[in-house]
C-alpha atoms as a PDB file:
ATOM      1  CA  MET A   1      -0.029   0.017  -0.062  1.00  0.00           C
ATOM      2  CA  SER A   2       1.399   3.329  -0.864  1.00  0.00           C
ATOM      3  CA  ASN A   3       1.656   6.212   1.300  1.00  0.00           C
ATOM      4  CA  GLU A   4       2.062   8.906  -1.230  1.00  0.00           C
ATOM      5  CA  LEU A   5      -0.107  11.934  -0.580  1.00  0.00           C
ATOM      6  CA  TYR A   6      -2.031  13.554  -3.206  1.00  0.00           C
ATOM      7  CA  ARG A   7      -3.144  17.088  -2.671  1.00  0.00           C
ATOM      8  CA  THR A   8      -6.649  18.277  -3.941  1.00  0.00           C
ATOM      9  CA  LYS A   9      -6.899  21.169  -6.095  1.00  0.00           C
ATOM     10  CA  PRO A  10      -7.570  24.599  -4.160  1.00  0.00           C
ATOM     11  CA  GLU A  11     -10.869  25.062  -6.425  1.00  0.00           C
ATOM     12  CA  TRP A  12     -11.871  21.743  -4.957  1.00  0.00           C
ATOM     13  CA  GLN A  13     -11.234  22.414  -1.478  1.00  0.00           C
ATOM     14  CA  LYS A  14     -13.400  25.698  -1.900  1.00  0.00           C
ATOM     15  CA  ARG A  15     -16.377  23.450  -2.875  1.00  0.00           C
ATOM     16  CA  ALA A  16     -16.185  21.176  -0.190  1.00  0.00           C
ATOM     17  CA  LEU A  17     -18.963  20.640   2.283  1.00  0.00           C
ATOM     18  CA  ILE A  18     -16.588  20.379   5.354  1.00  0.00           C
ATOM     19  CA  ASN A  19     -12.845  21.325   6.041  1.00  0.00           C
ATOM     20  CA  SER A  20     -10.029  19.304   7.398  1.00  0.00           C
ATOM     21  CA  ASP A  21     -10.790  20.405  10.863  1.00  0.00           C
ATOM     22  CA  GLU A  22     -14.285  19.511  10.664  1.00  0.00           C
ATOM     23  CA  ARG A  23     -13.676  15.952   9.071  1.00  0.00           C
ATOM     24  CA  GLN A  24     -11.111  15.317  12.091  1.00  0.00           C
ATOM     25  CA  ASN A  25     -13.744  16.310  14.723  1.00  0.00           C
ATOM     26  CA  ILE A  26     -16.450  14.104  12.867  1.00  0.00           C
ATOM     27  CA  LEU A  27     -13.796  11.081  12.876  1.00  0.00           C
ATOM     28  CA  ARG A  28     -13.320  11.935  16.820  1.00  0.00           C
ATOM     29  CA  GLN A  29     -16.893  11.957  17.529  1.00  0.00           C
ATOM     30  CA  SER A  30     -17.710   8.735  15.779  1.00  0.00           C
ATOM     31  CA  GLY A  31     -15.015   6.940  17.598  1.00  0.00           C
ATOM     32  CA  GLU A  32     -15.322   8.062  20.866  1.00  0.00           C
ATOM     33  CA  ASP A  33     -19.230   7.530  21.284  1.00  0.00           C
ATOM     34  CA  PRO A  34     -20.427   5.709  18.179  1.00  0.00           C
ATOM     35  CA  ASP A  35     -23.897   5.132  19.587  1.00  0.00           C
ATOM     36  CA  SER A  36     -24.680   8.839  20.324  1.00  0.00           C
ATOM     37  CA  PHE A  37     -23.031   9.930  16.987  1.00  0.00           C
ATOM     38  CA  TRP A  38     -25.178   7.694  14.815  1.00  0.00           C
ATOM     39  CA  ALA A  39     -28.259   8.278  17.007  1.00  0.00           C
ATOM     40  CA  GLU A  40     -27.910  11.995  16.123  1.00  0.00           C
ATOM     41  CA  LYS A  41     -27.371  11.370  12.366  1.00  0.00           C
ATOM     42  CA  ALA A  42     -30.327   8.847  12.324  1.00  0.00           C
ATOM     43  CA  LYS A  43     -32.662  11.844  13.474  1.00  0.00           C
ATOM     44  CA  ARG A  44     -32.116  13.118   9.708  1.00  0.00           C
ATOM     45  CA  ILE A  45     -34.427  10.159   8.601  1.00  0.00           C
ATOM     46  CA  GLN A  46     -38.197   9.776   9.109  1.00  0.00           C
ATOM     47  CA  TRP A  47     -38.676   6.457  10.870  1.00  0.00           C
ATOM     48  CA  VAL A  48     -41.891   4.569  10.612  1.00  0.00           C
ATOM     49  CA  LYS A  49     -41.098   2.711  13.581  1.00  0.00           C
ATOM     50  CA  PRO A  50     -38.249   4.182  15.939  1.00  0.00           C
ATOM     51  CA  PHE A  51     -35.196   1.876  16.547  1.00  0.00           C
ATOM     52  CA  THR A  52     -34.643   0.782  20.019  1.00  0.00           C
ATOM     53  CA  GLN A  53     -30.817   0.331  19.887  1.00  0.00           C
ATOM     54  CA  VAL A  54     -28.240   1.926  17.436  1.00  0.00           C
ATOM     55  CA  GLN A  55     -25.941  -1.077  17.062  1.00  0.00           C
ATOM     56  CA  ASP A  56     -25.603  -4.468  18.404  1.00  0.00           C
ATOM     57  CA  THR A  57     -22.436  -6.233  17.097  1.00  0.00           C
ATOM     58  CA  SER A  58     -20.345  -8.977  17.642  1.00  0.00           C
ATOM     59  CA  PHE A  59     -16.972 -10.485  15.671  1.00  0.00           C
ATOM     60  CA  GLN A  60     -17.135 -13.414  17.836  1.00  0.00           C
ATOM     61  CA  THR A  61     -18.751 -16.695  16.573  1.00  0.00           C
ATOM     62  CA  PRO A  62     -21.665 -16.309  15.773  1.00  0.00           C
ATOM     63  CA  VAL A  63     -20.875 -12.856  14.116  1.00  0.00           C
ATOM     64  CA  HIS A  64     -23.628 -10.647  13.897  1.00  0.00           C
ATOM     65  CA  VAL A  65     -23.866  -7.086  12.988  1.00  0.00           C
ATOM     66  CA  ASN A  66     -27.240  -5.063  13.590  1.00  0.00           C
ATOM     67  CA  TRP A  67     -27.766  -1.245  13.233  1.00  0.00           C
ATOM     68  CA  PHE A  68     -30.830   0.588  14.349  1.00  0.00           C
ATOM     69  CA  LYS A  69     -32.387  -2.467  15.865  1.00  0.00           C
ATOM     70  CA  ASP A  70     -36.230  -2.648  15.298  1.00  0.00           C
ATOM     71  CA  GLY A  71     -36.228   0.491  13.318  1.00  0.00           C
ATOM     72  CA  GLU A  72     -38.318   0.559  10.265  1.00  0.00           C
ATOM     73  CA  LEU A  73     -38.030   2.725   7.264  1.00  0.00           C
ATOM     74  CA  ASN A  74     -40.451   3.430   4.566  1.00  0.00           C
ATOM     75  CA  ALA A  75     -37.739   2.716   1.782  1.00  0.00           C
END
């Protein structure tokens, strides 16, 4: 895997929705408290039935990954 760094063009940076500091803040928040982070993001979606748990994951056998448990969307 290469460690080469590719700089973005200044005009692309001006059109970006977030800057580097905001990106780092998002990464920090999502890593420190993922349940709160994703629960807040989920408020942007209209739920038919609200979820009862943000995540229920285990990578031990049996592996399971469940997000927004019991929640239902009209999608």
